[in-house]
């Protein structure tokens, strides 16, 4: 007769589909059990890794109080790291052209809180977006995201000192703590760069540089230059 056996085929199809669904559920449960056992087996390793990460993060964001040197007409290091470039430079935005540059590389093991190199006023504030190339390159300021801060010193009054905070391959966030017009004291906190980075200091040609290539400087503490 017409359509004979179709009901049975529908029943068989439904039975097969439920059997397949049950097999999938069992397979998922089995895999979930294996994954859960694997994760539980790694539980203490994951906890240990998290503790190490937490300890390193606290270490990285440390902010020791520097021994700010006393004396007049001094420029101190804004960042902690290694001096890997001292050269003539041109900085037209704040310094107005020819000047000197002292470049400091900050590794992931250095303090990343920056300090005001001189007492005075924040007279320039310019954030420039860019790339995140390795900050080991002393010319990374040409391409990398950076913040240029310009300070008009209280002594000698009106002298200009520029600080460029440069993001790097790992450091991708510059957090300024000052704004245009702010008055700062020498050694006062001005910013934070997260993870490896670079800080350039721009000085007038008449400033006498007190550091040399390869020197390890401490932000807020090491004298990098003095005005005659």
N, C-alpha and C. Protein backbone atom coordinates (compact mmCIF):
# COMPACT_ATOMS: atom_id res chain seq x y z
N UNK A 1 0.84 -1.20 0.00
CA UNK A 1 0.00 0.00 0.00
C UNK A 1 0.87 1.25 0.00
N UNK A 2 0.28 2.36 -0.39
CA UNK A 2 1.02 3.60 -0.49
C UNK A 2 1.52 4.05 0.89
N UNK A 3 2.77 4.49 0.89
CA UNK A 3 3.43 5.02 2.11
C UNK A 3 3.62 3.96 3.19
N UNK A 4 3.55 2.70 2.81
CA UNK A 4 3.74 1.64 3.79
C UNK A 4 5.19 1.67 4.32
N UNK A 5 5.39 1.53 5.61
CA UNK A 5 6.71 1.45 6.23
C UNK A 5 7.34 2.79 6.57
N UNK A 6 6.71 3.89 6.12
CA UNK A 6 7.32 5.20 6.39
C UNK A 6 7.30 5.56 7.87
N UNK A 7 6.29 5.16 8.57
CA UNK A 7 6.21 5.45 10.01
C UNK A 7 7.34 4.76 10.75
N UNK A 8 7.61 3.50 10.34
CA UNK A 8 8.70 2.77 10.97
C UNK A 8 10.06 3.42 10.67
N UNK A 9 10.20 3.91 9.40
CA UNK A 9 11.45 4.60 9.05
C UNK A 9 11.63 5.88 9.88
N UNK A 10 10.51 6.58 10.11
CA UNK A 10 10.58 7.79 10.94
C UNK A 10 10.99 7.44 12.36
N UNK A 11 10.45 6.33 12.85
CA UNK A 11 10.80 5.88 14.20
C UNK A 11 12.27 5.52 14.28
N UNK A 12 12.76 4.79 13.25
CA UNK A 12 14.17 4.40 13.24
C UNK A 12 15.08 5.63 13.15
N UNK A 13 14.64 6.61 12.33
CA UNK A 13 15.43 7.83 12.20
C UNK A 13 15.52 8.55 13.55
N UNK A 14 14.41 8.65 14.26
CA UNK A 14 14.38 9.32 15.56
C UNK A 14 15.25 8.58 16.57
N UNK A 15 15.14 7.24 16.54
CA UNK A 15 15.96 6.44 17.46
C UNK A 15 17.45 6.65 17.18
N UNK A 16 17.81 6.69 15.88
CA UNK A 16 19.22 6.90 15.52
C UNK A 16 19.72 8.28 15.96
N UNK A 17 18.87 9.28 15.75
CA UNK A 17 19.27 10.64 16.14
C UNK A 17 19.46 10.77 17.64
N UNK A 18 18.58 10.16 18.41
CA UNK A 18 18.74 10.22 19.87
C UNK A 18 19.98 9.45 20.32
N UNK A 19 20.24 8.31 19.63
CA UNK A 19 21.44 7.54 19.95
C UNK A 19 22.69 8.37 19.65
N UNK A 20 22.69 9.08 18.50
CA UNK A 20 23.82 9.93 18.13
C UNK A 20 24.00 11.07 19.12
N UNK A 21 22.88 11.69 19.52
CA UNK A 21 22.95 12.78 20.50
C UNK A 21 23.50 12.29 21.83
N UNK A 22 23.06 11.10 22.24
CA UNK A 22 23.58 10.54 23.48
C UNK A 22 25.07 10.27 23.41
N UNK A 23 25.52 9.75 22.25
CA UNK A 23 26.95 9.49 22.07
C UNK A 23 27.76 10.78 22.14
N UNK A 24 27.22 11.86 21.52
CA UNK A 24 27.91 13.16 21.56
C UNK A 24 28.01 13.67 22.99
N UNK A 25 26.91 13.56 23.73
CA UNK A 25 26.91 14.01 25.13
C UNK A 25 27.93 13.23 25.94
N UNK A 26 27.96 11.92 25.75
CA UNK A 26 28.93 11.10 26.48
C UNK A 26 30.36 11.46 26.10
N UNK A 27 30.59 11.71 24.79
CA UNK A 27 31.93 12.09 24.35
C UNK A 27 32.36 13.42 24.95
N UNK A 28 31.42 14.39 24.97
CA UNK A 28 31.73 15.71 25.56
C UNK A 28 32.02 15.55 27.05
N UNK A 29 31.22 14.73 27.73
CA UNK A 29 31.43 14.52 29.17
C UNK A 29 32.79 13.87 29.42
N UNK A 30 33.14 12.92 28.56
CA UNK A 30 34.43 12.24 28.71
C UNK A 30 35.58 13.22 28.51
N UNK A 31 35.47 14.04 27.44
CA UNK A 31 36.52 15.03 27.19
C UNK A 31 36.59 16.05 28.32
N UNK A 32 35.42 16.46 28.82
CA UNK A 32 35.39 17.42 29.93
C UNK A 32 36.08 16.85 31.16
N UNK A 33 35.86 15.55 31.40
CA UNK A 33 36.50 14.90 32.54
C UNK A 33 38.02 14.90 32.38
N UNK A 34 38.49 14.61 31.15
CA UNK A 34 39.93 14.60 30.89
C UNK A 34 40.51 16.00 31.08
N UNK A 35 39.80 17.02 30.50
CA UNK A 35 40.29 18.40 30.63
C UNK A 35 40.29 18.84 32.09
N UNK A 36 39.21 18.49 32.82
CA UNK A 36 39.14 18.87 34.24
C UNK A 36 40.28 18.22 35.03
N UNK A 37 40.56 16.95 34.74
CA UNK A 37 41.66 16.28 35.42
C UNK A 37 42.99 16.94 35.10
N UNK A 38 43.15 17.36 33.82
CA UNK A 38 44.39 18.02 33.40
C UNK A 38 44.56 19.36 34.12
N UNK A 39 43.46 20.14 34.15
CA UNK A 39 43.51 21.45 34.82
C UNK A 39 43.78 21.29 36.31
N UNK A 40 43.09 20.32 36.93
CA UNK A 40 43.31 20.10 38.36
C UNK A 40 44.74 19.65 38.63
N UNK A 41 45.30 18.87 37.69
CA UNK A 41 46.69 18.45 37.85
C UNK A 41 47.66 19.60 37.78
N UNK A 42 47.26 20.65 37.03
CA UNK A 42 48.11 21.84 36.90
C UNK A 42 47.75 22.94 37.90
N UNK A 43 46.79 22.67 38.77
CA UNK A 43 46.28 23.71 39.65
C UNK A 43 47.38 24.41 40.43
N UNK A 44 48.21 23.62 41.11
CA UNK A 44 49.24 24.24 41.95
C UNK A 44 50.32 24.92 41.11
N UNK A 45 50.57 24.38 39.91
CA UNK A 45 51.52 25.05 39.02
C UNK A 45 50.97 26.40 38.59
N UNK A 46 49.66 26.44 38.28
CA UNK A 46 49.03 27.71 37.90
C UNK A 46 49.03 28.70 39.06
N UNK A 47 48.76 28.21 40.25
CA UNK A 47 48.80 29.07 41.44
C UNK A 47 50.21 29.64 41.64
N UNK A 48 51.22 28.79 41.47
CA UNK A 48 52.61 29.24 41.64
C UNK A 48 52.97 30.30 40.59
N UNK A 49 52.51 30.07 39.35
CA UNK A 49 52.78 31.06 38.29
C UNK A 49 52.10 32.39 38.61
N UNK A 50 50.86 32.33 39.11
CA UNK A 50 50.15 33.56 39.46
C UNK A 50 50.86 34.30 40.60
N UNK A 51 51.34 33.55 41.57
CA UNK A 51 52.05 34.19 42.69
C UNK A 51 53.33 34.86 42.19
N UNK A 52 54.06 34.18 41.30
CA UNK A 52 55.26 34.78 40.72
C UNK A 52 54.92 36.04 39.94
N UNK A 53 53.83 35.99 39.17
CA UNK A 53 53.41 37.17 38.41
C UNK A 53 53.05 38.32 39.35
N UNK A 54 52.31 38.01 40.42
CA UNK A 54 51.91 39.04 41.38
C UNK A 54 53.14 39.67 42.04
N UNK A 55 54.10 38.83 42.43
CA UNK A 55 55.32 39.34 43.08
C UNK A 55 56.11 40.22 42.11
N UNK A 56 56.24 39.77 40.84
CA UNK A 56 56.98 40.57 39.86
C UNK A 56 56.27 41.89 39.58
N UNK A 57 54.92 41.85 39.54
CA UNK A 57 54.17 43.09 39.29
C UNK A 57 54.39 44.08 40.42
N UNK A 58 54.35 43.61 41.67
CA UNK A 58 54.63 44.49 42.80
C UNK A 58 56.06 45.03 42.70
N UNK A 59 56.99 44.16 42.31
CA UNK A 59 58.39 44.58 42.17
C UNK A 59 58.53 45.61 41.07
N UNK A 60 57.87 45.38 39.94
CA UNK A 60 57.98 46.29 38.81
C UNK A 60 57.43 47.67 39.15
N UNK A 61 56.31 47.72 39.85
CA UNK A 61 55.67 48.99 40.15
C UNK A 61 56.17 49.60 41.46
N UNK A 62 57.32 49.16 41.92
CA UNK A 62 57.90 49.75 43.13
C UNK A 62 58.22 51.23 42.90
N UNK A 63 58.23 51.98 43.97
CA UNK A 63 58.43 53.43 43.85
C UNK A 63 59.26 53.92 45.04
N UNK A 64 60.56 53.59 45.06
CA UNK A 64 61.40 54.01 46.19
C UNK A 64 61.60 55.53 46.21
N UNK A 65 61.76 56.05 47.40
CA UNK A 65 62.01 57.48 47.54
C UNK A 65 63.49 57.77 47.25
N UNK A 66 63.79 58.61 46.27
CA UNK A 66 65.19 58.91 45.97
C UNK A 66 65.76 59.93 46.94
N UNK A 67 67.08 59.96 47.00
CA UNK A 67 67.77 61.01 47.75
C UNK A 67 68.03 62.16 46.79
N UNK A 68 67.09 63.08 46.71
CA UNK A 68 67.19 64.19 45.76
C UNK A 68 68.36 65.09 46.16
N UNK A 69 69.33 65.30 45.27
CA UNK A 69 70.50 66.09 45.64
C UNK A 69 70.16 67.57 45.85
N UNK A 70 70.82 68.15 46.83
CA UNK A 70 70.67 69.59 47.07
C UNK A 70 71.69 70.33 46.21
N UNK A 71 71.44 71.57 45.96
CA UNK A 71 72.34 72.38 45.15
C UNK A 71 71.56 73.15 44.10
N UNK A 72 72.18 74.16 43.57
CA UNK A 72 71.52 75.01 42.58
C UNK A 72 71.94 74.63 41.17
N UNK A 73 71.07 74.93 40.23
CA UNK A 73 71.34 74.79 38.79
C UNK A 73 71.62 73.35 38.36
N UNK A 74 71.02 72.39 39.05
CA UNK A 74 71.25 70.99 38.73
C UNK A 74 70.09 70.41 37.92
N UNK A 75 70.42 69.44 37.06
CA UNK A 75 69.41 68.66 36.34
C UNK A 75 69.62 67.20 36.73
N UNK A 76 68.58 66.57 37.26
CA UNK A 76 68.73 65.19 37.70
C UNK A 76 68.03 64.25 36.73
N UNK A 77 68.41 62.98 36.80
CA UNK A 77 67.85 61.98 35.89
C UNK A 77 66.35 61.82 36.15
N UNK A 78 65.54 61.91 35.10
CA UNK A 78 64.10 61.69 35.29
C UNK A 78 63.74 60.21 35.41
N UNK A 79 64.61 59.32 34.92
CA UNK A 79 64.32 57.90 34.95
C UNK A 79 65.51 57.08 35.42
N UNK A 80 65.22 55.87 35.85
CA UNK A 80 66.26 54.94 36.30
C UNK A 80 66.60 53.98 35.16
N UNK A 81 67.88 53.89 34.83
CA UNK A 81 68.28 52.99 33.75
C UNK A 81 69.71 53.24 33.33
N UNK A 82 70.03 52.86 32.10
CA UNK A 82 71.38 52.95 31.58
C UNK A 82 71.47 54.03 30.51
N UNK A 83 72.47 54.90 30.63
CA UNK A 83 72.72 55.94 29.62
C UNK A 83 73.36 55.27 28.41
N UNK A 84 72.63 55.25 27.30
CA UNK A 84 73.20 54.60 26.11
C UNK A 84 73.32 55.54 24.91
N UNK A 85 73.05 56.83 25.12
CA UNK A 85 73.26 57.80 24.05
C UNK A 85 73.44 59.20 24.65
N UNK A 86 74.49 59.88 24.23
CA UNK A 86 74.70 61.29 24.55
C UNK A 86 75.12 61.94 23.24
N UNK A 87 74.28 62.81 22.72
CA UNK A 87 74.59 63.34 21.40
C UNK A 87 73.94 64.70 21.15
N UNK A 88 74.42 65.44 20.15
CA UNK A 88 73.73 66.65 19.73
C UNK A 88 72.37 66.26 19.16
N UNK A 89 71.37 67.11 19.36
CA UNK A 89 70.04 66.79 18.88
C UNK A 89 69.33 68.05 18.42
N UNK A 90 68.22 67.86 17.78
CA UNK A 90 67.35 68.97 17.40
C UNK A 90 65.95 68.66 17.91
N UNK A 91 65.43 69.53 18.76
CA UNK A 91 64.08 69.34 19.29
C UNK A 91 63.34 70.67 19.11
N UNK A 92 62.58 70.80 18.01
CA UNK A 92 61.98 72.10 17.69
C UNK A 92 60.73 72.44 18.48
N UNK A 93 60.01 71.44 19.00
CA UNK A 93 58.71 71.71 19.60
C UNK A 93 58.81 72.52 20.89
N UNK A 94 59.78 72.19 21.73
CA UNK A 94 59.92 72.91 23.00
C UNK A 94 61.28 73.59 23.13
N UNK A 95 62.35 72.88 22.77
CA UNK A 95 63.69 73.44 22.94
C UNK A 95 64.00 74.50 21.88
N UNK A 96 63.25 74.48 20.79
CA UNK A 96 63.44 75.51 19.78
C UNK A 96 64.54 75.21 18.78
N UNK A 97 65.03 73.97 18.73
CA UNK A 97 66.07 73.63 17.76
C UNK A 97 67.21 72.86 18.38
N UNK A 98 68.44 73.32 18.10
CA UNK A 98 69.64 72.60 18.53
C UNK A 98 69.71 72.50 20.05
N UNK A 99 70.10 71.32 20.51
CA UNK A 99 70.24 71.07 21.95
C UNK A 99 71.11 69.83 22.14
N UNK A 100 71.18 69.33 23.35
CA UNK A 100 71.88 68.09 23.65
C UNK A 100 70.86 67.07 24.15
N UNK A 101 71.16 65.80 23.89
CA UNK A 101 70.27 64.74 24.36
C UNK A 101 71.04 63.72 25.18
N UNK A 102 70.45 63.36 26.31
CA UNK A 102 70.92 62.22 27.11
C UNK A 102 69.79 61.21 27.10
N UNK A 103 70.05 60.01 26.57
CA UNK A 103 69.00 58.99 26.44
C UNK A 103 69.24 57.87 27.43
N UNK A 104 68.19 57.50 28.14
CA UNK A 104 68.26 56.50 29.21
C UNK A 104 67.33 55.34 28.86
N UNK A 105 67.88 54.13 28.78
CA UNK A 105 67.07 52.94 28.52
C UNK A 105 66.65 52.32 29.83
N UNK A 106 65.34 52.04 29.97
CA UNK A 106 64.79 51.43 31.17
C UNK A 106 64.42 49.99 30.84
N UNK A 107 65.09 49.03 31.46
CA UNK A 107 64.74 47.63 31.26
C UNK A 107 63.55 47.28 32.13
N UNK A 108 63.02 46.07 31.97
CA UNK A 108 61.87 45.65 32.78
C UNK A 108 62.23 45.50 34.25
N UNK A 109 63.52 45.53 34.58
CA UNK A 109 63.95 45.38 35.97
C UNK A 109 64.21 46.72 36.65
N UNK A 110 64.07 47.82 35.91
CA UNK A 110 64.31 49.15 36.47
C UNK A 110 63.02 49.74 37.04
N UNK A 111 63.17 50.74 37.90
CA UNK A 111 62.02 51.50 38.40
C UNK A 111 61.44 52.30 37.24
N UNK A 112 60.11 52.29 37.11
CA UNK A 112 59.48 52.95 35.96
C UNK A 112 58.64 54.17 36.34
N UNK A 113 58.84 54.68 37.53
CA UNK A 113 58.27 55.97 37.91
C UNK A 113 59.27 57.05 37.52
N UNK A 114 58.80 58.08 36.80
CA UNK A 114 59.69 59.16 36.38
C UNK A 114 59.56 60.36 37.31
N UNK A 115 60.65 61.12 37.38
CA UNK A 115 60.74 62.25 38.30
C UNK A 115 61.09 63.53 37.55
N UNK A 116 60.68 64.64 38.08
CA UNK A 116 60.97 65.94 37.46
C UNK A 116 62.47 66.21 37.50
N UNK A 117 63.08 66.53 36.36
CA UNK A 117 64.53 66.76 36.35
C UNK A 117 64.93 68.09 36.99
N UNK A 118 64.01 69.04 37.01
CA UNK A 118 64.26 70.35 37.62
C UNK A 118 62.99 70.80 38.32
N UNK A 119 63.15 71.75 39.22
CA UNK A 119 61.98 72.40 39.79
C UNK A 119 61.54 73.51 38.85
N UNK A 120 60.25 73.73 38.75
CA UNK A 120 59.75 74.76 37.86
C UNK A 120 58.34 74.47 37.40
N UNK A 121 58.05 74.86 36.18
CA UNK A 121 56.69 74.73 35.65
C UNK A 121 56.66 73.83 34.42
N UNK A 122 55.58 73.03 34.32
CA UNK A 122 55.35 72.23 33.10
C UNK A 122 54.82 73.18 32.04
N UNK A 123 55.68 73.52 31.09
CA UNK A 123 55.34 74.52 30.07
C UNK A 123 54.94 73.91 28.74
N UNK A 124 55.17 72.60 28.60
CA UNK A 124 54.86 71.94 27.32
C UNK A 124 54.40 70.52 27.60
N UNK A 125 53.36 70.08 26.87
CA UNK A 125 52.78 68.75 27.05
C UNK A 125 52.25 68.30 25.71
N UNK A 126 52.95 67.36 25.07
CA UNK A 126 52.56 66.93 23.72
C UNK A 126 52.64 65.42 23.62
N UNK A 127 51.45 64.78 23.48
CA UNK A 127 51.39 63.33 23.32
C UNK A 127 51.31 63.00 21.83
N UNK A 128 52.19 62.09 21.38
CA UNK A 128 52.23 61.70 19.97
C UNK A 128 52.05 60.20 19.86
N UNK A 129 51.03 59.78 19.11
CA UNK A 129 50.81 58.35 18.91
C UNK A 129 51.83 57.83 17.89
N UNK A 130 52.07 56.53 17.92
CA UNK A 130 53.04 55.94 17.00
C UNK A 130 53.13 54.45 17.16
N UNK A 131 54.28 53.91 16.80
CA UNK A 131 54.49 52.48 16.86
C UNK A 131 55.02 52.08 18.24
N UNK A 132 55.28 50.78 18.39
CA UNK A 132 55.81 50.25 19.65
C UNK A 132 57.03 49.39 19.32
N UNK A 133 58.03 50.01 18.68
CA UNK A 133 59.25 49.29 18.35
C UNK A 133 60.08 49.09 19.61
N UNK A 134 61.07 48.22 19.52
CA UNK A 134 61.92 47.92 20.66
C UNK A 134 62.60 49.20 21.16
N UNK A 135 62.41 49.52 22.45
CA UNK A 135 62.99 50.74 23.03
C UNK A 135 64.50 50.63 23.21
N UNK A 136 65.10 49.46 22.94
CA UNK A 136 66.55 49.35 22.96
C UNK A 136 67.19 50.28 21.93
N UNK A 137 66.46 50.59 20.88
CA UNK A 137 66.98 51.49 19.85
C UNK A 137 66.92 52.92 20.35
N UNK A 138 68.07 53.60 20.34
CA UNK A 138 68.11 54.97 20.86
C UNK A 138 67.36 55.95 19.97
N UNK A 139 67.03 55.55 18.73
CA UNK A 139 66.27 56.42 17.84
C UNK A 139 64.79 56.09 17.84
N UNK A 140 64.32 55.32 18.84
CA UNK A 140 62.93 54.89 18.86
C UNK A 140 61.95 56.05 19.00
N UNK A 141 62.41 57.20 19.51
CA UNK A 141 61.53 58.36 19.66
C UNK A 141 61.01 58.86 18.31
N UNK A 142 61.74 58.56 17.24
CA UNK A 142 61.32 59.00 15.91
C UNK A 142 60.05 58.29 15.48
N UNK A 143 59.87 57.04 15.90
CA UNK A 143 58.76 56.23 15.43
C UNK A 143 57.75 55.87 16.52
N UNK A 144 58.19 55.79 17.77
CA UNK A 144 57.34 55.22 18.82
C UNK A 144 56.40 56.24 19.44
N UNK A 145 55.34 55.71 20.04
CA UNK A 145 54.43 56.55 20.80
C UNK A 145 55.20 57.20 21.95
N UNK A 146 54.98 58.50 22.16
CA UNK A 146 55.76 59.20 23.18
C UNK A 146 55.02 60.42 23.71
N UNK A 147 55.51 60.88 24.86
CA UNK A 147 54.99 62.10 25.48
C UNK A 147 56.17 63.03 25.74
N UNK A 148 56.10 64.24 25.17
CA UNK A 148 57.15 65.24 25.39
C UNK A 148 56.67 66.23 26.44
N UNK A 149 57.41 66.29 27.55
CA UNK A 149 57.15 67.26 28.61
C UNK A 149 58.24 68.32 28.59
N UNK A 150 57.86 69.57 28.65
CA UNK A 150 58.83 70.65 28.69
C UNK A 150 58.76 71.39 30.01
N UNK A 151 59.91 71.56 30.66
CA UNK A 151 59.97 72.23 31.95
C UNK A 151 60.72 73.55 31.84
N UNK A 152 60.13 74.61 32.36
CA UNK A 152 60.83 75.88 32.51
C UNK A 152 61.35 75.93 33.94
N UNK A 153 62.67 75.87 34.07
CA UNK A 153 63.30 75.72 35.38
C UNK A 153 63.13 76.97 36.24
N UNK A 154 63.05 76.73 37.55
CA UNK A 154 63.03 77.85 38.50
C UNK A 154 64.44 78.40 38.70
N UNK A 155 65.46 77.51 38.50
CA UNK A 155 66.86 77.95 38.58
C UNK A 155 67.73 77.12 37.64
N UNK A 156 68.48 77.79 36.79
CA UNK A 156 68.36 79.21 36.45
C UNK A 156 66.98 79.50 35.86
N UNK A 157 66.39 80.58 36.28
CA UNK A 157 65.01 80.88 35.91
C UNK A 157 64.86 80.94 34.39
N UNK A 158 63.86 80.20 33.91
CA UNK A 158 63.55 80.25 32.49
C UNK A 158 64.30 79.27 31.62
N UNK A 159 65.32 78.58 32.17
CA UNK A 159 66.04 77.59 31.36
C UNK A 159 65.09 76.44 31.00
N UNK A 160 65.25 75.93 29.80
CA UNK A 160 64.37 74.86 29.33
C UNK A 160 65.03 73.49 29.44
N UNK A 161 64.27 72.53 29.93
CA UNK A 161 64.70 71.13 29.97
C UNK A 161 63.52 70.29 29.47
N UNK A 162 63.76 69.48 28.44
CA UNK A 162 62.71 68.64 27.90
C UNK A 162 62.89 67.19 28.31
N UNK A 163 61.79 66.49 28.51
CA UNK A 163 61.82 65.07 28.84
C UNK A 163 60.83 64.37 27.91
N UNK A 164 61.35 63.41 27.13
CA UNK A 164 60.47 62.64 26.26
C UNK A 164 60.33 61.22 26.81
N UNK A 165 59.11 60.85 27.14
CA UNK A 165 58.79 59.51 27.64
C UNK A 165 58.38 58.66 26.44
N UNK A 166 59.09 57.55 26.23
CA UNK A 166 58.93 56.78 25.00
C UNK A 166 58.44 55.37 25.32
N UNK A 167 57.33 54.98 24.70
CA UNK A 167 56.83 53.62 24.84
C UNK A 167 57.70 52.67 24.04
N UNK A 168 57.67 51.38 24.40
CA UNK A 168 58.50 50.40 23.71
C UNK A 168 57.70 49.20 23.25
N UNK A 169 58.43 48.12 22.97
CA UNK A 169 57.81 46.89 22.48
C UNK A 169 56.85 46.31 23.51
N UNK A 170 57.26 46.37 24.78
CA UNK A 170 56.42 45.84 25.86
C UNK A 170 55.64 46.96 26.54
N UNK A 171 56.32 48.09 26.74
CA UNK A 171 55.66 49.24 27.37
C UNK A 171 54.72 49.90 26.39
N UNK A 172 53.42 49.83 26.65
CA UNK A 172 52.46 50.38 25.69
C UNK A 172 51.54 51.40 26.35
N UNK A 173 51.92 51.85 27.52
CA UNK A 173 51.08 52.85 28.16
C UNK A 173 51.95 53.82 28.95
N UNK A 174 51.79 55.09 28.64
CA UNK A 174 52.46 56.15 29.37
C UNK A 174 51.40 56.85 30.21
N UNK A 175 51.62 56.92 31.51
CA UNK A 175 50.62 57.50 32.43
C UNK A 175 51.20 58.77 33.03
N UNK A 176 50.84 59.95 32.49
CA UNK A 176 51.35 61.20 33.07
C UNK A 176 50.61 61.58 34.34
N UNK A 177 51.35 62.16 35.27
CA UNK A 177 50.75 62.62 36.51
C UNK A 177 50.84 64.14 36.65
N UNK A 178 51.21 64.81 35.58
CA UNK A 178 51.27 66.27 35.59
C UNK A 178 50.49 66.78 34.38
N UNK A 179 50.17 68.06 34.41
CA UNK A 179 49.44 68.71 33.33
C UNK A 179 50.10 70.05 33.03
N UNK A 180 49.82 70.62 31.85
CA UNK A 180 50.41 71.93 31.52
C UNK A 180 50.08 72.97 32.58
N UNK A 181 51.08 73.72 32.97
CA UNK A 181 50.90 74.76 33.98
C UNK A 181 51.20 74.33 35.39
N UNK A 182 51.35 73.02 35.62
CA UNK A 182 51.65 72.54 36.97
C UNK A 182 53.04 73.01 37.43
N UNK A 183 53.14 73.33 38.70
CA UNK A 183 54.43 73.61 39.33
C UNK A 183 54.95 72.32 39.96
N UNK A 184 56.20 72.01 39.70
CA UNK A 184 56.78 70.79 40.25
C UNK A 184 58.08 71.11 40.98
N UNK A 185 58.42 70.24 41.92
CA UNK A 185 59.70 70.33 42.60
C UNK A 185 60.67 69.35 41.96
N UNK A 186 61.95 69.63 42.05
CA UNK A 186 62.95 68.70 41.55
C UNK A 186 62.79 67.35 42.25
N UNK A 187 62.71 66.27 41.45
CA UNK A 187 62.56 64.94 42.01
C UNK A 187 61.14 64.51 42.26
N UNK A 188 60.17 65.38 42.00
CA UNK A 188 58.77 65.03 42.20
C UNK A 188 58.30 64.03 41.13
N UNK A 189 57.40 63.15 41.50
CA UNK A 189 56.87 62.17 40.55
C UNK A 189 56.09 62.87 39.44
N UNK A 190 56.36 62.46 38.19
CA UNK A 190 55.66 63.08 37.07
C UNK A 190 54.94 62.08 36.18
N UNK A 191 55.36 60.80 36.20
CA UNK A 191 54.73 59.85 35.28
C UNK A 191 55.13 58.41 35.60
N UNK A 192 54.47 57.50 34.88
CA UNK A 192 54.78 56.08 34.95
C UNK A 192 54.74 55.51 33.53
N UNK A 193 55.76 54.75 33.16
CA UNK A 193 55.74 54.01 31.90
C UNK A 193 55.72 52.53 32.26
N UNK A 194 54.74 51.82 31.74
CA UNK A 194 54.59 50.42 32.14
C UNK A 194 55.47 49.51 31.29
N UNK A 195 56.40 48.84 31.96
CA UNK A 195 57.36 47.88 31.41
C UNK A 195 58.44 48.59 30.59
N UNK A 196 59.32 47.81 29.91
CA UNK A 196 60.52 48.37 29.30
C UNK A 196 60.27 49.59 28.45
N UNK A 197 61.13 50.60 28.53
CA UNK A 197 60.88 51.86 27.84
C UNK A 197 62.16 52.69 27.77
N UNK A 198 61.99 53.96 27.39
CA UNK A 198 63.13 54.86 27.24
C UNK A 198 62.71 56.28 27.63
N UNK A 199 63.66 57.03 28.19
CA UNK A 199 63.44 58.43 28.54
C UNK A 199 64.58 59.25 27.95
N UNK A 200 64.25 60.25 27.16
CA UNK A 200 65.24 61.18 26.61
C UNK A 200 65.18 62.50 27.36
N UNK A 201 66.34 63.05 27.68
CA UNK A 201 66.43 64.35 28.33
C UNK A 201 67.06 65.32 27.34
N UNK A 202 66.39 66.45 27.07
CA UNK A 202 66.90 67.47 26.16
C UNK A 202 67.41 68.65 26.99
N UNK A 203 68.65 69.05 26.69
CA UNK A 203 69.31 70.10 27.46
C UNK A 203 69.83 71.19 26.53
N UNK A 204 69.85 72.44 27.00
CA UNK A 204 70.47 73.49 26.20
C UNK A 204 71.95 73.18 25.97
N UNK A 205 72.52 73.75 24.92
CA UNK A 205 73.91 73.48 24.58
C UNK A 205 74.86 73.94 25.68
N UNK A 206 74.46 74.96 26.45
CA UNK A 206 75.34 75.49 27.48
C UNK A 206 75.34 74.64 28.76
N UNK A 207 74.45 73.68 28.86
CA UNK A 207 74.43 72.81 30.04
C UNK A 207 75.62 71.86 29.99
N UNK A 208 76.24 71.63 31.14
CA UNK A 208 77.40 70.73 31.23
C UNK A 208 76.93 69.35 31.67
N UNK A 209 77.08 68.36 30.80
CA UNK A 209 76.63 66.99 31.08
C UNK A 209 77.58 66.32 32.07
N UNK A 210 77.02 65.67 33.07
CA UNK A 210 77.81 65.08 34.15
C UNK A 210 77.86 63.54 34.12
N UNK A 211 77.20 62.94 33.14
CA UNK A 211 77.22 61.48 33.03
C UNK A 211 77.93 61.08 31.75
N UNK A 212 78.24 59.80 31.64
CA UNK A 212 78.90 59.29 30.43
C UNK A 212 78.19 58.02 29.97
N UNK A 213 78.50 57.62 28.76
CA UNK A 213 77.88 56.43 28.21
C UNK A 213 78.12 55.21 29.11
N UNK A 214 77.07 54.43 29.29
CA UNK A 214 77.18 53.22 30.11
C UNK A 214 76.87 53.43 31.57
N UNK A 215 76.74 54.68 32.01
CA UNK A 215 76.44 54.95 33.42
C UNK A 215 75.04 54.45 33.77
N UNK A 216 74.91 53.93 34.98
CA UNK A 216 73.62 53.58 35.53
C UNK A 216 73.13 54.77 36.35
N UNK A 217 71.97 55.31 36.00
CA UNK A 217 71.45 56.49 36.69
C UNK A 217 70.19 56.12 37.46
N UNK A 218 69.92 56.88 38.51
CA UNK A 218 68.75 56.65 39.36
C UNK A 218 67.83 57.86 39.24
N UNK A 219 66.58 57.61 38.87
CA UNK A 219 65.62 58.69 38.71
C UNK A 219 65.42 59.48 39.99
N UNK A 220 65.50 60.81 39.88
CA UNK A 220 65.32 61.67 41.03
C UNK A 220 66.54 61.80 41.91
N UNK A 221 67.65 61.17 41.51
CA UNK A 221 68.82 61.13 42.38
C UNK A 221 70.13 61.47 41.67
N UNK A 222 70.38 60.87 40.50
CA UNK A 222 71.64 61.08 39.79
C UNK A 222 71.65 62.42 39.07
N UNK A 223 72.72 63.18 39.24
CA UNK A 223 72.87 64.45 38.52
C UNK A 223 73.34 64.15 37.10
N UNK A 224 72.55 64.56 36.11
CA UNK A 224 72.93 64.32 34.71
C UNK A 224 73.56 65.53 34.07
N UNK A 225 73.27 66.73 34.60
CA UNK A 225 73.83 67.96 34.02
C UNK A 225 73.74 69.08 35.02
N UNK A 226 74.46 70.13 34.73
CA UNK A 226 74.42 71.34 35.56
C UNK A 226 74.57 72.55 34.66
N UNK A 227 73.91 73.63 35.03
CA UNK A 227 74.05 74.88 34.30
C UNK A 227 75.19 75.68 34.90
N UNK A 228 76.05 76.18 34.03
CA UNK A 228 77.21 76.94 34.51
C UNK A 228 76.77 78.29 35.04
